[in-house]
Amino acid sequence: MTTFTLDDLAALIRSRRNDSASTSYTKTLLDAGMPKIAKKFGEEAVETVIAAIEGDRPALVNEAADTLYHLLVMLEAGDVSLDDVLRELERRTSQSGLAEKAGRGANG
C-alpha cells in the first residue's frame, strides 16, 4: 500500500501556485482559470468512464488518477479544500444515501 494520500496531492497542487508556468503544468492550469480546468476535468472524467465500460483496468487506473488530479486542481482554483469535501461526505454518511438524496430536493 502506498503512503501517498489525496492530502499529499492537494498540498502539492497548492504549492504549485507559486511555481512558474514554464515549469509546472499545474500552474499553467491554475493560470488558465476555472473554465479550462473544468473542461479538462470533464474530459478526464469521460475518459475514466470509457475505460470502466471497456473493462480496461490499466487505463481505468491511469484515467482515475488523472481525474482525481484534475478534480483537486479544480477545487484549488475554486478555493475549496479537500477537507471541505470530506466534511460534506462525512455529513452525508451520517444517514442513509436514500434519505440524504431525498433531503436535497429537486435540485440534488
N, C-alpha and C. Protein backbone atom coordinates (compact mmCIF):
# COMPACT_ATOMS: atom_id res chain seq x y z
N MET A 1 0.85 -1.19 0.00
CA MET A 1 0.00 0.00 0.00
C MET A 1 0.89 1.24 0.00
N THR A 2 0.47 2.22 -0.75
CA THR A 2 1.22 3.46 -0.84
C THR A 2 0.96 4.34 0.38
N THR A 3 1.92 5.19 0.67
CA THR A 3 1.73 6.16 1.75
C THR A 3 1.31 7.51 1.20
N PHE A 4 1.25 7.64 -0.13
CA PHE A 4 0.84 8.88 -0.78
C PHE A 4 -0.67 9.02 -0.65
N THR A 5 -1.14 10.20 -0.21
CA THR A 5 -2.56 10.40 0.03
C THR A 5 -3.11 11.54 -0.85
N LEU A 6 -4.41 11.63 -0.89
CA LEU A 6 -5.03 12.76 -1.60
C LEU A 6 -4.67 14.08 -0.91
N ASP A 7 -4.48 14.05 0.40
CA ASP A 7 -4.00 15.25 1.11
C ASP A 7 -2.63 15.66 0.58
N ASP A 8 -1.75 14.67 0.34
CA ASP A 8 -0.43 14.97 -0.22
C ASP A 8 -0.56 15.62 -1.59
N LEU A 9 -1.44 15.07 -2.42
CA LEU A 9 -1.63 15.62 -3.75
C LEU A 9 -2.22 17.03 -3.69
N ALA A 10 -3.19 17.23 -2.81
CA ALA A 10 -3.79 18.56 -2.66
C ALA A 10 -2.74 19.57 -2.21
N ALA A 11 -1.87 19.18 -1.29
CA ALA A 11 -0.81 20.08 -0.82
C ALA A 11 0.18 20.38 -1.94
N LEU A 12 0.51 19.39 -2.74
CA LEU A 12 1.42 19.60 -3.87
C LEU A 12 0.80 20.57 -4.88
N ILE A 13 -0.47 20.39 -5.17
CA ILE A 13 -1.17 21.29 -6.09
C ILE A 13 -1.17 22.71 -5.53
N ARG A 14 -1.47 22.84 -4.24
CA ARG A 14 -1.48 24.15 -3.60
C ARG A 14 -0.11 24.82 -3.71
N SER A 15 0.94 24.03 -3.53
CA SER A 15 2.30 24.58 -3.59
C SER A 15 2.68 25.04 -4.99
N ARG A 16 2.04 24.48 -6.00
CA ARG A 16 2.35 24.84 -7.38
C ARG A 16 1.87 26.24 -7.76
N ARG A 17 1.00 26.82 -6.94
CA ARG A 17 0.54 28.19 -7.20
C ARG A 17 1.71 29.15 -7.31
N ASN A 18 2.79 28.83 -6.63
CA ASN A 18 3.95 29.71 -6.60
C ASN A 18 5.00 29.37 -7.65
N ASP A 19 4.75 28.34 -8.44
CA ASP A 19 5.71 27.91 -9.46
C ASP A 19 5.58 28.77 -10.72
N SER A 20 6.49 28.56 -11.62
CA SER A 20 6.44 29.20 -12.92
C SER A 20 5.62 28.34 -13.87
N ALA A 21 4.80 28.98 -14.68
CA ALA A 21 4.00 28.24 -15.65
C ALA A 21 4.88 27.53 -16.67
N SER A 22 6.11 28.00 -16.84
CA SER A 22 7.01 27.36 -17.80
C SER A 22 7.54 26.02 -17.30
N THR A 23 7.40 25.77 -15.99
CA THR A 23 7.90 24.52 -15.43
C THR A 23 6.83 23.67 -14.75
N SER A 24 5.60 24.17 -14.67
CA SER A 24 4.56 23.47 -13.93
C SER A 24 3.25 23.41 -14.71
N TYR A 25 2.83 22.20 -15.05
CA TYR A 25 1.53 22.01 -15.70
C TYR A 25 0.41 22.50 -14.79
N THR A 26 0.52 22.22 -13.50
CA THR A 26 -0.49 22.65 -12.55
C THR A 26 -0.64 24.17 -12.57
N LYS A 27 0.48 24.88 -12.54
CA LYS A 27 0.45 26.34 -12.58
C LYS A 27 -0.19 26.83 -13.88
N THR A 28 0.12 26.15 -14.99
CA THR A 28 -0.49 26.51 -16.27
C THR A 28 -2.01 26.40 -16.20
N LEU A 29 -2.50 25.32 -15.61
CA LEU A 29 -3.95 25.14 -15.46
C LEU A 29 -4.53 26.23 -14.56
N LEU A 30 -3.90 26.46 -13.41
CA LEU A 30 -4.41 27.46 -12.48
C LEU A 30 -4.45 28.84 -13.13
N ASP A 31 -3.43 29.16 -13.90
CA ASP A 31 -3.39 30.45 -14.60
C ASP A 31 -4.46 30.55 -15.68
N ALA A 32 -4.83 29.42 -16.27
CA ALA A 32 -5.82 29.42 -17.35
C ALA A 32 -7.23 29.70 -16.82
N GLY A 33 -7.46 29.39 -15.56
CA GLY A 33 -8.75 29.70 -14.96
C GLY A 33 -9.73 28.53 -14.94
N MET A 34 -10.82 28.77 -14.24
CA MET A 34 -11.80 27.72 -13.97
C MET A 34 -12.41 27.10 -15.23
N PRO A 35 -12.76 27.88 -16.27
CA PRO A 35 -13.35 27.21 -17.44
C PRO A 35 -12.43 26.15 -18.04
N LYS A 36 -11.15 26.44 -18.18
CA LYS A 36 -10.18 25.49 -18.73
C LYS A 36 -10.01 24.29 -17.80
N ILE A 37 -9.92 24.56 -16.50
CA ILE A 37 -9.75 23.48 -15.52
C ILE A 37 -10.97 22.56 -15.53
N ALA A 38 -12.16 23.16 -15.52
CA ALA A 38 -13.39 22.36 -15.50
C ALA A 38 -13.52 21.53 -16.78
N LYS A 39 -13.16 22.11 -17.91
CA LYS A 39 -13.20 21.37 -19.18
C LYS A 39 -12.25 20.18 -19.13
N LYS A 40 -11.05 20.40 -18.63
CA LYS A 40 -10.06 19.32 -18.55
C LYS A 40 -10.55 18.23 -17.58
N PHE A 41 -11.13 18.63 -16.46
CA PHE A 41 -11.68 17.66 -15.52
C PHE A 41 -12.76 16.82 -16.20
N GLY A 42 -13.64 17.48 -16.93
CA GLY A 42 -14.70 16.77 -17.64
C GLY A 42 -14.16 15.77 -18.64
N GLU A 43 -13.14 16.17 -19.39
CA GLU A 43 -12.52 15.27 -20.37
C GLU A 43 -11.96 14.04 -19.67
N GLU A 44 -11.27 14.26 -18.56
CA GLU A 44 -10.68 13.12 -17.83
C GLU A 44 -11.75 12.22 -17.24
N ALA A 45 -12.83 12.81 -16.75
CA ALA A 45 -13.92 12.01 -16.19
C ALA A 45 -14.54 11.13 -17.27
N VAL A 46 -14.74 11.69 -18.46
CA VAL A 46 -15.30 10.89 -19.57
C VAL A 46 -14.34 9.76 -19.94
N GLU A 47 -13.06 10.05 -20.01
CA GLU A 47 -12.08 9.01 -20.33
C GLU A 47 -12.07 7.91 -19.27
N THR A 48 -12.32 8.28 -18.01
CA THR A 48 -12.40 7.30 -16.93
C THR A 48 -13.61 6.40 -17.13
N VAL A 49 -14.73 7.00 -17.47
CA VAL A 49 -15.95 6.23 -17.73
C VAL A 49 -15.75 5.26 -18.89
N ILE A 50 -15.13 5.72 -19.95
CA ILE A 50 -14.89 4.86 -21.11
C ILE A 50 -14.00 3.68 -20.73
N ALA A 51 -12.94 3.94 -19.97
CA ALA A 51 -12.06 2.85 -19.54
C ALA A 51 -12.83 1.84 -18.68
N ALA A 52 -13.71 2.33 -17.82
CA ALA A 52 -14.51 1.43 -16.98
C ALA A 52 -15.45 0.59 -17.82
N ILE A 53 -16.14 1.21 -18.76
CA ILE A 53 -17.08 0.49 -19.62
C ILE A 53 -16.36 -0.57 -20.44
N GLU A 54 -15.17 -0.23 -20.91
CA GLU A 54 -14.40 -1.17 -21.73
C GLU A 54 -13.71 -2.25 -20.91
N GLY A 55 -13.75 -2.12 -19.59
CA GLY A 55 -13.10 -3.11 -18.73
C GLY A 55 -11.59 -3.09 -18.83
N ASP A 56 -11.04 -1.95 -19.18
CA ASP A 56 -9.59 -1.79 -19.35
C ASP A 56 -8.99 -1.32 -18.03
N ARG A 57 -8.58 -2.27 -17.20
CA ARG A 57 -8.11 -1.95 -15.86
C ARG A 57 -6.93 -0.98 -15.86
N PRO A 58 -5.86 -1.23 -16.64
CA PRO A 58 -4.74 -0.28 -16.63
C PRO A 58 -5.16 1.13 -17.04
N ALA A 59 -6.02 1.23 -18.05
CA ALA A 59 -6.50 2.55 -18.46
C ALA A 59 -7.36 3.18 -17.38
N LEU A 60 -8.17 2.36 -16.69
CA LEU A 60 -9.01 2.87 -15.62
C LEU A 60 -8.15 3.44 -14.49
N VAL A 61 -7.09 2.75 -14.14
CA VAL A 61 -6.19 3.25 -13.10
C VAL A 61 -5.60 4.60 -13.52
N ASN A 62 -5.08 4.67 -14.75
CA ASN A 62 -4.47 5.91 -15.24
C ASN A 62 -5.47 7.05 -15.34
N GLU A 63 -6.63 6.77 -15.90
CA GLU A 63 -7.63 7.82 -16.07
C GLU A 63 -8.21 8.26 -14.73
N ALA A 64 -8.37 7.33 -13.79
CA ALA A 64 -8.85 7.71 -12.46
C ALA A 64 -7.84 8.63 -11.78
N ALA A 65 -6.56 8.34 -11.94
CA ALA A 65 -5.53 9.22 -11.38
C ALA A 65 -5.61 10.61 -12.00
N ASP A 66 -5.77 10.66 -13.32
CA ASP A 66 -5.92 11.96 -14.00
C ASP A 66 -7.15 12.70 -13.50
N THR A 67 -8.25 11.98 -13.32
CA THR A 67 -9.49 12.59 -12.87
C THR A 67 -9.35 13.15 -11.46
N LEU A 68 -8.76 12.37 -10.57
CA LEU A 68 -8.57 12.85 -9.19
C LEU A 68 -7.67 14.09 -9.17
N TYR A 69 -6.59 14.05 -9.94
CA TYR A 69 -5.69 15.20 -10.01
C TYR A 69 -6.43 16.44 -10.50
N HIS A 70 -7.16 16.31 -11.61
CA HIS A 70 -7.85 17.48 -12.16
C HIS A 70 -8.99 17.95 -11.26
N LEU A 71 -9.62 17.03 -10.53
CA LEU A 71 -10.63 17.43 -9.54
C LEU A 71 -9.98 18.28 -8.46
N LEU A 72 -8.83 17.86 -7.97
CA LEU A 72 -8.17 18.62 -6.92
C LEU A 72 -7.67 19.98 -7.42
N VAL A 73 -7.24 20.04 -8.67
CA VAL A 73 -6.86 21.34 -9.25
C VAL A 73 -8.10 22.23 -9.31
N MET A 74 -9.23 21.67 -9.71
CA MET A 74 -10.46 22.44 -9.80
C MET A 74 -10.89 22.94 -8.41
N LEU A 75 -10.77 22.09 -7.41
CA LEU A 75 -11.10 22.51 -6.05
C LEU A 75 -10.17 23.64 -5.60
N GLU A 76 -8.89 23.51 -5.88
CA GLU A 76 -7.93 24.56 -5.52
C GLU A 76 -8.29 25.87 -6.19
N ALA A 77 -8.62 25.81 -7.45
CA ALA A 77 -8.98 27.03 -8.19
C ALA A 77 -10.27 27.65 -7.64
N GLY A 78 -11.15 26.82 -7.12
CA GLY A 78 -12.41 27.29 -6.56
C GLY A 78 -12.34 27.62 -5.08
N ASP A 79 -11.12 27.55 -4.52
CA ASP A 79 -10.90 27.83 -3.09
C ASP A 79 -11.74 26.91 -2.21
N VAL A 80 -11.81 25.65 -2.62
CA VAL A 80 -12.49 24.61 -1.86
C VAL A 80 -11.44 23.59 -1.45
N SER A 81 -11.32 23.34 -0.16
CA SER A 81 -10.31 22.39 0.31
C SER A 81 -10.83 20.96 0.24
N LEU A 82 -9.91 20.03 0.20
CA LEU A 82 -10.28 18.62 0.26
C LEU A 82 -11.01 18.35 1.57
N ASP A 83 -10.60 19.01 2.65
CA ASP A 83 -11.30 18.86 3.93
C ASP A 83 -12.75 19.30 3.84
N ASP A 84 -13.02 20.37 3.07
CA ASP A 84 -14.41 20.80 2.89
C ASP A 84 -15.24 19.67 2.28
N VAL A 85 -14.68 19.02 1.28
CA VAL A 85 -15.39 17.94 0.59
C VAL A 85 -15.54 16.74 1.52
N LEU A 86 -14.50 16.42 2.27
CA LEU A 86 -14.56 15.28 3.18
C LEU A 86 -15.57 15.53 4.30
N ARG A 87 -15.66 16.76 4.79
CA ARG A 87 -16.67 17.08 5.80
C ARG A 87 -18.08 16.87 5.24
N GLU A 88 -18.28 17.26 3.98
CA GLU A 88 -19.59 17.06 3.36
C GLU A 88 -19.89 15.57 3.20
N LEU A 89 -18.89 14.79 2.82
CA LEU A 89 -19.10 13.34 2.71
C LEU A 89 -19.38 12.74 4.08
N GLU A 90 -18.69 13.21 5.10
CA GLU A 90 -18.93 12.72 6.46
C GLU A 90 -20.36 13.04 6.89
N ARG A 91 -20.82 14.26 6.58
CA ARG A 91 -22.19 14.65 6.93
C ARG A 91 -23.19 13.73 6.23
N ARG A 92 -22.92 13.48 4.96
CA ARG A 92 -23.85 12.65 4.17
C ARG A 92 -23.89 11.21 4.65
N THR A 93 -22.76 10.70 5.12
CA THR A 93 -22.74 9.30 5.54
C THR A 93 -23.31 9.10 6.94
N SER A 94 -23.74 10.18 7.58
CA SER A 94 -24.38 10.04 8.88
C SER A 94 -25.83 9.60 8.74
N GLN A 95 -26.31 9.48 7.51
CA GLN A 95 -27.67 9.00 7.24
C GLN A 95 -27.61 8.10 6.01
N SER A 96 -28.71 7.43 5.73
CA SER A 96 -28.71 6.56 4.55
C SER A 96 -28.60 7.41 3.29
N GLY A 97 -28.05 6.83 2.24
CA GLY A 97 -27.90 7.53 0.98
C GLY A 97 -29.23 7.95 0.39
N LEU A 98 -30.25 7.12 0.54
CA LEU A 98 -31.58 7.46 0.02
C LEU A 98 -32.17 8.64 0.78
N ALA A 99 -32.00 8.67 2.11
CA ALA A 99 -32.54 9.79 2.90
C ALA A 99 -31.78 11.06 2.58
N GLU A 100 -30.47 10.95 2.41
CA GLU A 100 -29.67 12.13 2.08
C GLU A 100 -30.08 12.70 0.73
N LYS A 101 -30.26 11.83 -0.25
CA LYS A 101 -30.65 12.28 -1.60
C LYS A 101 -32.03 12.92 -1.57
N ALA A 102 -32.96 12.34 -0.84
CA ALA A 102 -34.31 12.92 -0.72
C ALA A 102 -34.27 14.28 -0.06
N GLY A 103 -33.33 14.47 0.87
CA GLY A 103 -33.20 15.73 1.58
C GLY A 103 -32.67 16.86 0.71
N ARG A 104 -32.05 16.51 -0.41
CA ARG A 104 -31.53 17.53 -1.32
C ARG A 104 -32.64 18.16 -2.15
N GLY A 105 -33.79 17.52 -2.24
CA GLY A 105 -34.91 18.06 -3.00
C GLY A 105 -34.72 17.93 -4.50
N ALA A 106 -35.41 18.74 -5.25
CA ALA A 106 -35.44 18.67 -6.71
C ALA A 106 -34.12 19.02 -7.35
N ASN A 107 -33.28 19.80 -6.67
CA ASN A 107 -32.00 20.23 -7.27
C ASN A 107 -30.89 19.24 -7.01
N GLY A 108 -31.07 18.20 -6.24
CA GLY A 108 -29.99 17.27 -5.89
C GLY A 108 -29.86 16.19 -6.83
